Protein backbone atom coordinates (compact mmCIF):
# COMPACT_ATOMS: atom_id res chain seq x y z
CA MET A 1 172.40 41.17 179.97
CA ALA A 2 170.70 43.45 177.43
CA THR A 3 172.12 46.92 177.04
CA SER A 4 170.21 49.92 175.78
CA LYS A 5 171.68 51.95 172.95
CA GLN A 6 171.29 55.66 172.53
CA LYS A 7 170.91 57.14 169.08
CA GLN A 8 171.18 60.74 168.02
CA ILE A 9 168.73 61.72 165.30
CA GLN A 10 168.80 65.04 163.50
CA THR A 11 165.48 66.36 162.28
CA GLN A 12 164.32 69.63 160.76
CA GLN A 13 161.47 71.50 162.42
CA GLN A 14 159.89 74.72 161.29
CA LYS A 15 159.20 77.02 164.23
CA LEU A 16 157.46 80.35 164.11
CA THR A 17 159.29 83.35 165.51
CA PRO A 18 157.52 85.53 168.11
CA GLN A 19 157.15 88.19 165.41
CA GLN A 20 155.45 85.73 163.04
CA ILE A 21 153.10 84.63 165.81
CA THR A 22 152.24 88.29 166.45
CA ALA A 23 151.48 88.83 162.75
CA ILE A 24 149.24 85.75 162.64
CA LYS A 25 147.30 86.76 165.74
CA LEU A 26 146.82 90.31 164.43
CA LEU A 27 145.34 88.85 161.25
CA GLU A 28 142.93 86.66 163.20
CA ILE A 29 141.44 89.28 165.51
CA PRO A 30 138.45 91.34 164.32
CA THR A 31 138.47 95.15 164.20
CA ILE A 32 136.57 95.45 167.47
CA GLU A 33 139.48 93.76 169.30
CA LEU A 34 142.28 95.43 167.37
CA ASP A 35 142.18 98.73 169.27
CA THR A 36 142.58 96.86 172.58
CA ARG A 37 145.56 94.97 171.18
CA ILE A 38 147.19 98.24 169.99
CA LYS A 39 146.68 99.86 173.40
CA GLU A 40 148.32 96.86 175.07
CA GLU A 41 151.36 97.27 172.82
CA LEU A 42 151.50 101.02 173.47
CA GLU A 43 151.56 100.38 177.22
CA LYS A 44 154.19 97.67 176.93
CA ASN A 45 156.65 99.32 174.54
CA PRO A 46 157.99 102.82 175.43
CA LEU A 47 159.35 103.33 171.88
CA LEU A 48 155.89 103.00 170.36
CA GLU A 49 153.59 106.01 170.36
CA GLU A 50 150.48 107.32 168.62
CA GLY A 51 150.91 109.75 165.74
CA GLU A 52 151.83 110.02 162.07
CA PRO A 53 155.24 108.53 161.20
CA VAL A 54 158.11 111.03 161.49
CA ASP A 55 160.30 111.73 158.47
CA GLU A 56 163.82 110.32 158.91
CA PHE A 57 165.29 113.67 157.79
CA GLU A 58 163.44 115.32 160.65
CA ILE A 59 165.10 112.96 163.13
CA ASP A 60 168.62 113.49 161.76
CA ASN A 61 168.25 117.26 161.37
CA PRO A 62 165.89 118.44 164.07
CA SER A 63 165.10 122.11 164.10
CA GLU A 64 164.74 122.70 167.81
CA THR A 65 163.14 125.60 169.56
CA GLU A 66 164.48 126.75 172.92
CA GLU A 67 161.61 124.97 174.66
CA GLU A 68 162.26 121.72 172.76
CA THR A 69 165.98 121.95 173.60
CA GLN A 70 165.10 122.29 177.27
CA GLU A 71 162.74 119.31 177.04
CA LYS A 72 165.47 117.28 175.36
CA ASP A 73 167.98 118.16 178.09
CA GLU A 74 165.48 117.14 180.76
CA PHE A 75 164.78 113.93 178.89
CA GLU A 76 168.47 113.05 178.61
CA GLN A 77 169.02 113.94 182.26
CA ALA A 78 166.25 111.55 183.22
CA LEU A 79 167.91 108.84 181.15
CA ASP A 80 171.12 109.22 183.12
CA ASP A 81 169.19 107.63 185.98
CA PHE A 82 167.32 105.21 183.71
CA ASP A 83 167.61 101.53 184.66
CA PRO A 84 166.15 99.16 182.01
CA GLU A 85 165.87 96.28 184.48
CA GLU A 86 163.94 98.39 186.98
CA TYR A 87 161.67 99.62 184.19
CA LEU A 88 160.87 96.06 183.10
CA ASN A 89 160.09 95.05 186.68
CA ASP A 90 157.72 97.97 187.22
CA ILE A 91 155.95 98.22 183.87
CA ASP A 92 153.21 95.68 184.64
CA GLU A 93 152.41 97.31 187.96
CA TYR A 94 152.55 100.88 186.65
CA PRO A 95 151.39 101.14 183.01
CA GLU A 96 152.61 104.17 181.07
CA TYR A 97 149.25 105.92 181.13
CA LYS A 98 149.33 105.87 184.96
CA LEU A 99 152.88 107.14 185.17
CA ASN A 100 152.04 110.12 182.99
CA LEU A 101 149.00 111.23 185.01
CA PRO A 102 149.63 114.22 187.29
CA LYS A 103 148.79 113.61 190.94
CA ASP A 104 146.46 116.02 192.68
CA LYS A 105 146.13 115.48 196.42
CA ASN A 106 142.89 117.44 196.49
CA VAL A 107 141.21 115.14 193.96
CA GLU A 108 139.75 111.93 195.28
CA GLU A 109 140.93 108.88 193.35
CA ARG A 110 138.02 106.93 191.96
CA GLN A 111 137.69 103.73 190.04
CA ILE A 112 135.54 103.85 186.95
CA PRO A 113 132.56 101.54 187.50
CA MET A 114 132.02 98.90 184.83
CA ALA A 115 128.54 97.81 183.80
CA VAL A 116 128.06 94.11 184.43
CA GLN A 117 125.20 92.39 182.65
CA PRO A 118 123.36 89.76 184.76
CA SER A 119 123.64 86.18 183.53
CA PHE A 120 120.79 83.79 182.74
CA ARG A 121 121.11 82.27 186.21
CA ASP A 122 121.55 85.65 187.96
CA SER A 123 118.24 86.83 186.51
CA LEU A 124 116.39 83.80 187.89
CA GLU A 125 118.11 84.07 191.30
CA ASN A 126 117.12 87.75 191.54
CA GLN A 127 113.49 86.89 190.84
CA LEU A 128 113.55 84.20 193.54
CA THR A 129 115.07 86.52 196.14
CA LEU A 130 112.63 89.34 195.44
CA ASN A 131 109.42 87.30 195.22
CA PHE A 132 109.78 84.28 197.51
CA ASP A 133 110.81 83.59 201.11
CA LEU A 134 112.58 80.23 200.82
CA THR A 135 113.58 77.90 203.64
CA ASP A 136 117.23 76.83 203.99
CA ASN A 137 116.51 73.49 202.30
CA GLN A 138 114.61 75.20 199.49
CA LYS A 139 117.55 77.55 198.89
CA ILE A 140 119.88 74.53 198.53
CA ILE A 141 117.43 72.77 196.18
CA ALA A 142 116.82 75.94 194.13
CA ASP A 143 120.58 76.49 193.76
CA TYR A 144 120.97 72.92 192.47
CA ILE A 145 118.03 73.20 190.04
CA LEU A 146 119.18 76.54 188.58
CA GLY A 147 122.67 75.13 188.12
CA ASN A 148 121.28 72.20 186.13
CA LEU A 149 119.06 74.07 183.66
CA ASP A 150 120.23 73.66 180.06
CA ASP A 151 120.54 76.52 177.56
CA ASP A 152 116.92 76.04 176.47
CA GLY A 153 115.73 76.45 180.07
CA TYR A 154 114.79 72.79 180.70
CA LEU A 155 115.58 70.66 183.76
CA ARG A 156 116.70 67.29 182.41
CA ARG A 157 116.87 65.54 185.83
CA ASP A 158 114.07 63.67 187.58
CA ILE A 159 112.93 64.59 191.10
CA THR A 160 114.42 61.55 192.89
CA SER A 161 117.82 61.95 191.23
CA ILE A 162 117.96 65.59 192.33
CA ALA A 163 117.17 64.63 195.95
CA ASP A 164 119.85 61.87 195.84
CA ASP A 165 122.45 64.24 194.36
CA ILE A 166 121.88 66.87 197.04
CA ALA A 167 122.16 64.24 199.79
CA PHE A 168 125.33 62.73 198.29
CA LYS A 169 127.16 65.92 197.23
CA GLN A 170 126.06 68.36 199.93
CA GLY A 171 125.16 66.06 202.81
CA VAL A 172 121.65 67.53 203.12
CA ASP A 173 118.67 65.16 203.29
CA VAL A 174 115.74 66.51 201.28
CA SER A 175 112.57 64.68 200.34
CA ASP A 176 111.16 64.25 196.85
CA GLU A 177 108.21 66.39 197.94
CA GLU A 178 110.53 69.28 198.96
CA VAL A 179 112.25 69.11 195.57
CA ARG A 180 108.89 69.05 193.78
CA GLU A 181 107.59 72.06 195.75
CA THR A 182 110.77 74.07 195.10
CA LEU A 183 110.62 73.23 191.40
CA LYS A 184 107.02 74.49 191.27
CA ILE A 185 108.19 77.79 192.78
CA ILE A 186 110.96 78.15 190.15
CA GLN A 187 108.45 77.39 187.41
CA GLN A 188 106.57 80.55 188.46
CA LEU A 189 109.52 82.69 187.33
CA ASP A 190 109.82 84.49 184.01
CA PRO A 191 109.92 83.66 181.20
CA PRO A 192 106.93 81.29 181.47
CA GLY A 193 107.87 77.65 180.85
CA ILE A 194 111.28 77.88 182.53
CA ALA A 195 112.54 74.81 184.48
CA ALA A 196 110.04 72.45 182.83
CA GLN A 197 111.11 68.81 182.54
CA SER A 198 109.60 68.31 179.07
CA LEU A 199 108.24 70.28 176.14
CA GLN A 200 104.71 69.27 177.08
CA GLU A 201 105.14 70.55 180.66
CA SER A 202 106.64 73.83 179.40
CA MET A 203 103.67 74.39 177.06
CA ILE A 204 101.21 73.63 179.88
CA ILE A 205 102.94 76.13 182.19
CA GLN A 206 102.85 78.82 179.49
CA LEU A 207 99.15 78.24 178.72
CA GLU A 208 98.22 78.23 182.41
CA ARG A 209 100.05 81.55 182.85
CA LYS A 210 98.12 83.01 179.90
CA LEU A 211 94.84 81.79 181.36
CA GLU A 212 95.56 83.69 184.58
CA ASN A 213 95.11 86.88 182.57
CA GLU A 214 92.40 85.62 180.21
CA LYS A 215 90.34 83.30 182.41
CA ASN A 216 87.31 83.27 180.12
CA SER A 217 89.18 82.45 176.92
CA GLU A 218 87.60 79.29 175.50
CA ILE A 219 90.35 79.01 172.87
CA LEU A 220 93.11 79.00 175.53
CA GLN A 221 91.16 76.44 177.59
CA LEU A 222 90.87 74.20 174.54
CA ALA A 223 94.58 74.67 173.77
CA LEU A 224 95.46 73.62 177.34
CA LYS A 225 93.18 70.56 177.11
CA ILE A 226 94.75 69.47 173.80
CA VAL A 227 98.31 69.87 175.11
CA LYS A 228 97.44 67.97 178.31
CA GLU A 229 95.34 65.14 176.85
CA TYR A 230 96.15 64.92 173.12
CA PHE A 231 99.83 65.87 172.97
CA GLU A 232 100.79 62.77 170.98
CA GLU A 233 98.07 63.36 168.42
CA LEU A 234 99.10 67.02 168.21
CA GLY A 235 102.71 66.05 167.47
CA LYS A 236 101.63 63.64 164.74
CA LYS A 237 99.18 66.23 163.33
CA HIS A 238 96.22 63.89 163.63
CA TYR A 239 93.87 66.84 163.46
CA GLU A 240 90.77 64.92 162.37
CA LYS A 241 91.09 62.71 165.45
CA ILE A 242 91.42 65.75 167.76
CA MET A 243 88.38 67.48 166.21
CA SER A 244 86.33 64.31 166.52
CA LYS A 245 87.18 63.74 170.21
CA LEU A 246 86.62 67.37 171.21
CA GLY A 247 83.60 67.90 168.98
CA ILE A 248 84.99 71.07 167.38
CA ASN A 249 85.14 72.22 163.77
CA ARG A 250 88.14 73.15 161.62
CA GLU A 251 87.75 76.90 162.21
CA VAL A 252 87.96 76.52 166.00
CA LEU A 253 90.94 74.16 165.73
CA GLU A 254 92.78 76.67 163.55
CA LYS A 255 92.37 79.32 166.28
CA VAL A 256 93.60 76.87 168.91
CA LEU A 257 96.66 75.97 166.84
CA ASP A 258 97.45 79.66 166.36
CA GLU A 259 97.62 80.04 170.16
CA ILE A 260 99.79 76.93 170.51
CA LYS A 261 102.19 78.22 167.83
CA LYS A 262 102.74 81.38 169.91
CA LEU A 263 104.25 79.31 172.75
CA ASN A 264 108.01 79.31 173.14
CA PRO A 265 109.56 75.81 172.84
CA LYS A 266 112.87 77.15 174.24
CA PRO A 267 112.06 79.57 177.09
CA GLY A 268 115.67 79.67 178.27
CA MET A 269 116.81 81.01 174.93
CA ALA A 270 114.40 83.93 175.26
CA LEU A 271 115.93 84.86 178.61
CA ASN A 272 119.48 84.41 177.34
CA GLU A 273 118.77 86.73 174.40
CA ALA A 274 117.19 89.35 176.66
CA VAL A 275 120.19 89.22 179.01
CA SER A 276 122.78 89.54 176.26
CA LYS A 277 121.04 91.88 173.82
CA ASN A 278 123.32 94.79 174.73
CA PHE A 279 126.36 92.75 173.71
CA ASN A 280 125.23 91.73 170.24
CA THR A 281 126.43 94.81 168.38
CA ILE A 282 128.61 93.86 165.40
CA THR A 283 131.45 96.09 164.31
CA PRO A 284 132.14 95.50 160.60
CA ASP A 285 135.75 95.02 159.52
CA PHE A 286 135.09 96.18 155.95
CA ILE A 287 132.82 98.70 154.27
CA LEU A 288 131.56 97.88 150.77
CA ASP A 289 130.00 100.61 148.64
CA ILE A 290 128.38 100.51 145.20
CA ASP A 291 128.31 103.63 143.01
CA ASP A 292 125.81 104.62 140.34
CA ASN A 293 127.84 102.77 137.70
CA ASN A 294 127.63 99.50 139.68
CA GLU A 295 131.31 99.74 140.57
CA ILE A 296 132.22 98.21 143.92
CA THR A 297 134.72 99.79 146.31
CA VAL A 298 136.00 98.13 149.48
CA THR A 299 137.64 99.93 152.40
CA LEU A 300 138.83 98.87 155.84
CA ASN A 301 136.85 100.08 158.81
CA ASP A 302 139.96 101.39 160.60
CA LYS A 303 139.13 105.09 161.03
CA ASN A 304 139.21 104.70 164.82
CA SER A 305 142.49 102.79 164.92
CA PRO A 306 145.42 105.01 165.99
CA LYS A 307 148.42 105.64 163.71
CA LEU A 308 151.67 104.44 165.25
CA ARG A 309 155.26 105.62 165.05
CA ILE A 310 158.61 105.23 166.78
CA ASN A 311 159.29 107.68 169.63
CA LYS A 312 161.56 110.38 168.15
CA GLN A 313 163.42 111.17 171.38
CA TYR A 314 164.37 107.55 171.98
CA GLU A 315 165.65 107.31 168.40
CA GLN A 316 167.79 110.41 168.90
CA LEU A 317 169.19 108.98 172.11
CA LEU A 318 169.99 105.69 170.38
CA LYS A 319 171.90 107.53 167.63
CA ARG A 320 173.95 109.39 170.24
CA LEU A 321 174.71 106.21 172.18
CA ASP A 322 175.68 104.34 169.01
CA SER A 323 178.05 107.15 168.05
CA LYS A 324 180.01 106.78 171.31
CA ASN A 325 183.07 104.55 171.07
CA ASN A 326 183.41 103.77 174.74
CA LYS A 327 180.17 103.14 176.60
CA ASP A 328 179.91 102.22 180.26
CA LYS A 329 177.81 99.29 181.51
CA LYS A 330 174.64 101.32 182.02
CA GLU A 331 174.89 102.89 178.56
CA LYS A 332 175.34 99.43 177.01
CA GLU A 333 172.24 98.15 178.83
CA THR A 334 170.28 101.23 177.76
CA THR A 335 171.38 100.78 174.14
CA LYS A 336 170.37 97.10 174.21
CA PHE A 337 167.00 97.93 175.78
CA ILE A 338 166.17 100.68 173.26
CA LYS A 339 167.26 98.56 170.26
CA LYS A 340 165.17 95.61 171.39
CA ASN A 341 162.05 97.74 171.88
CA LYS A 342 162.67 99.60 168.63
CA GLU A 343 162.81 96.29 166.73
CA ASP A 344 159.59 95.15 168.42
CA ALA A 345 157.89 98.46 167.67
CA GLU A 346 158.98 98.41 164.02
CA TRP A 347 157.81 94.84 163.64
CA PHE A 348 154.44 95.63 165.22
CA ILE A 349 153.92 98.60 162.87
CA THR A 350 154.92 96.42 159.91
CA ALA A 351 152.60 93.62 161.05
CA LEU A 352 149.68 96.06 161.29
CA SER A 353 150.42 97.36 157.82
CA GLN A 354 150.65 93.82 156.45
CA ARG A 355 147.37 92.96 158.17
CA GLN A 356 145.61 95.85 156.43
CA LYS A 357 147.09 94.93 153.06
CA THR A 358 146.20 91.22 153.39
CA MET A 359 142.66 91.85 154.60
CA LEU A 360 141.90 94.46 151.94
CA HIS A 361 143.32 92.31 149.12
CA THR A 362 141.27 89.31 150.31
CA MET A 363 138.01 91.25 150.64
CA LYS A 364 138.43 92.82 147.19
CA GLU A 365 138.78 89.36 145.63
CA ILE A 366 135.68 88.14 147.50
CA ALA A 367 133.74 91.19 146.25
CA LYS A 368 134.96 90.56 142.68
CA HIS A 369 133.98 86.88 142.85
CA GLN A 370 130.53 87.61 144.31
CA LYS A 371 129.79 90.79 142.35
CA GLY A 372 126.50 89.31 141.09
CA PHE A 373 125.21 88.99 144.65
CA PHE A 374 126.33 92.47 145.73
CA LEU A 375 124.59 94.07 142.75
CA THR A 376 121.32 92.12 143.12
CA GLN A 377 121.18 91.12 146.81
CA ASP A 378 119.87 87.76 145.60
CA ASP A 379 121.31 84.64 147.27
CA LYS A 380 120.79 82.71 144.06
CA ASN A 381 123.56 84.80 142.52
CA ILE A 382 126.16 83.72 145.09
CA LYS A 383 128.72 81.75 143.12
CA PRO A 384 130.31 78.60 144.53
CA MET A 385 133.48 79.69 146.29
CA ILE A 386 135.88 77.95 148.66
CA LEU A 387 138.93 79.25 150.53
CA LYS A 388 141.28 77.85 147.89
CA ASP A 389 139.61 79.94 145.17
CA ILE A 390 140.49 83.17 146.99
CA ALA A 391 143.92 81.82 147.95
CA ASP A 392 144.67 81.20 144.26
CA GLN A 393 143.52 84.71 143.30
CA THR A 394 145.45 86.52 146.05
CA GLY A 395 148.56 84.34 146.16
CA TYR A 396 148.12 83.84 149.90
CA ASP A 397 148.05 80.49 151.67
CA VAL A 398 144.66 78.89 152.37
CA SER A 399 145.36 79.17 156.13
CA THR A 400 145.88 82.93 155.70
CA ILE A 401 142.52 83.30 153.94
CA SER A 402 140.90 81.25 156.70
CA ARG A 403 142.27 83.67 159.32
CA VAL A 404 141.06 86.71 157.37
CA VAL A 405 137.56 85.26 156.99
CA SER A 406 137.17 84.02 160.57
CA ASN A 407 134.93 86.28 162.73
CA LYS A 408 135.06 89.15 160.20
CA TYR A 409 132.09 91.13 158.85
CA VAL A 410 131.45 93.43 155.91
CA GLN A 411 128.98 96.31 155.89
CA THR A 412 127.08 96.65 152.61
CA PRO A 413 124.35 99.13 151.53
CA PHE A 414 121.79 96.41 152.36
CA GLY A 415 123.11 94.95 155.62
CA ILE A 416 126.07 93.46 157.48
CA TYR A 417 127.26 89.98 156.50
CA PRO A 418 129.87 87.59 157.95
CA LEU A 419 132.52 86.83 155.34
CA LYS A 420 131.79 83.11 155.71
CA TYR A 421 128.36 83.84 154.23
CA PHE A 422 129.92 84.12 150.76
CA PHE A 423 131.67 80.74 150.86
CA SER A 424 129.93 77.56 149.76
CA ASP A 425 130.67 74.27 148.03
CA LYS A 426 129.64 73.64 144.46
CA LEU A 427 127.46 71.15 142.63
CA GLN A 428 127.23 70.46 138.93
CA THR A 429 124.02 70.66 136.94
CA SER A 430 123.15 68.17 134.23
CA SER A 431 124.46 70.73 131.72
CA GLY A 432 127.87 70.83 133.48
CA GLU A 433 127.37 74.25 135.09
CA ASP A 434 128.78 74.80 138.58
CA VAL A 435 126.23 76.10 141.09
CA SER A 436 126.55 77.07 144.73
CA THR A 437 125.03 74.86 147.42
CA ARG A 438 123.51 78.09 148.75
CA LYS A 439 121.59 78.43 145.48
CA ILE A 440 120.35 74.85 145.84
CA LYS A 441 119.15 75.65 149.36
CA GLU A 442 117.29 78.71 148.09
CA ILE A 443 115.57 76.60 145.43
CA ILE A 444 114.60 73.97 148.02
CA LYS A 445 113.18 76.72 150.26
CA GLU A 446 111.26 78.15 147.30
CA ILE A 447 109.80 74.72 146.48
CA ILE A 448 108.68 74.24 150.09
CA ASP A 449 107.26 77.78 150.34
CA ASN A 450 105.08 77.15 147.27
CA GLU A 451 103.92 73.62 148.15
CA ASP A 452 100.37 72.70 149.14
CA LYS A 453 100.56 72.69 152.95
CA HIS A 454 97.76 70.14 153.11
CA LYS A 455 99.98 67.76 151.09
CA PRO A 456 103.59 68.88 151.63
CA TYR A 457 106.36 67.42 149.50
CA SER A 458 108.53 64.60 150.85
CA ASP A 459 112.31 64.84 150.49
CA ASP A 460 112.09 62.27 147.68
CA LYS A 461 109.59 64.46 145.82
CA ILE A 462 111.78 67.57 146.28
CA ALA A 463 114.77 65.63 144.93
CA GLN A 464 112.69 64.67 141.88
CA ILE A 465 111.63 68.31 141.30
CA LEU A 466 115.28 69.40 141.52
CA LYS A 467 116.24 66.67 139.03
CA ASN A 468 113.64 68.01 136.60
CA LYS A 469 115.29 71.44 136.99
CA GLY A 470 118.69 69.95 136.12
CA PHE A 471 120.10 69.41 139.63
CA LYS A 472 121.05 65.81 140.42
CA ILE A 473 120.73 65.63 144.21
CA ALA A 474 120.07 62.60 146.40
CA ARG A 475 117.19 62.52 148.87
CA ARG A 476 119.56 62.45 151.87
CA THR A 477 121.26 65.62 150.54
CA VAL A 478 117.88 67.35 150.32
CA ALA A 479 117.19 66.27 153.91
CA LYS A 480 120.59 67.62 155.04
CA TYR A 481 120.08 71.03 153.37
CA ARG A 482 116.52 71.25 154.69
CA GLU A 483 117.71 70.58 158.26
CA GLN A 484 120.49 73.16 157.89
CA MET A 485 117.79 75.74 157.07
CA ASN A 486 115.75 74.60 160.12
CA ILE A 487 112.85 73.51 157.92
CA PRO A 488 110.86 70.59 159.44
CA ASP A 489 110.04 67.45 157.48
CA SER A 490 106.82 67.03 155.50
CA ARG A 491 104.93 65.43 158.40
CA LEU A 492 105.49 68.48 160.60
CA ARG A 493 104.80 70.96 157.76
CA LYS A 494 101.35 69.52 157.18
CA GLU A 495 98.44 71.84 158.01
CA ILE A 496 94.78 71.03 158.52
């Protein structure tokens, strides 16, 4: 009979302390979230308070007025009845700011209303409710359709599948015709083109909506005809074929194409942006200034962050308790509670200070490395730079630099930039010079901007032009950079 053997293996594991985790998280969060984090700590820890740090001499040798002495006596009297365990149980239910508010029976308690921005779906549902009287089945179908729109505003499900899903998941039998009718109602909502099942359908809906206001527009009527009947030729830019079939000249076609270009290929994105526009404000973490001598200075954007210190009265109490030789059980618990919170408060203050030091040091090295860009505002002057370059200059770990850079922004005299904007890989020119991939992208964009739009350059041709300029880049790399800049290929850049 086989017997199992147990073995004891000793291994070493590096675990982060709670304090280290706090320091890491403080480094990761942007300035806009830092104030919230500080307020949370102020509510949680009674030994932490806002204000300039108090001199240690002032704590050991307080010069007390009669009023302060009375306050101290009241404070110490209150601590005679202080139970740390009870405090810990109650602190989540009654935050410190609530405990300190005076109660006035004559004042009605009110909750502060919070503004809630409607979502993409909420906006569509509101339009339906206000403008259409739907049947019960139509409400069920509309709810399903709105729930299945993608971020671009398209419905990627066919009519029969929707009817089958509603029957299977909700036990309601609806016909294909009911689904189709309900979808037509939703397609009347704003923005025009919403809930279309294809790009072609979305463009048709948008053009038909425009024609409602401009019924006699021959250009819009031609645009609608082309999108309905010659969509494939339009996509392939077979303009000569379209002109021949419609019997129109180049000038008319150019006007038609101008109208088609005004259509929104992603109507859902337009609604999403309109819904969330009030939430897109960026709070910079750094402020970069340039003086008349082209010297760069970097400061932290922390003017609104409160200064923190240890509560003086608790420190005085702790000194008195520590000086007693024989403490009873309650005094021992109080001493333990104050010491623990004092350590946490001191660590939090230290972690904040370290955060400021690390962030400022990192940003100064980035500014030094990319000084050419900051003085000229020209992307071509952005030097190749990776996280390790800044880690080597600052002496910090690469993971630390990554945390500093993540979701952080710098305000400059010419705009606000994410820190990641200044990082890019490098390529070598034929002369051995290191250049930033961002510079390569700018050159590619410049080549495409200056090309003959009737005969746009292929990726192979762009690669050859770059080679002549001293940049050895493969065609597939050109294609990758072009796609990253959202520039279409040569076939789609071609104009009539």
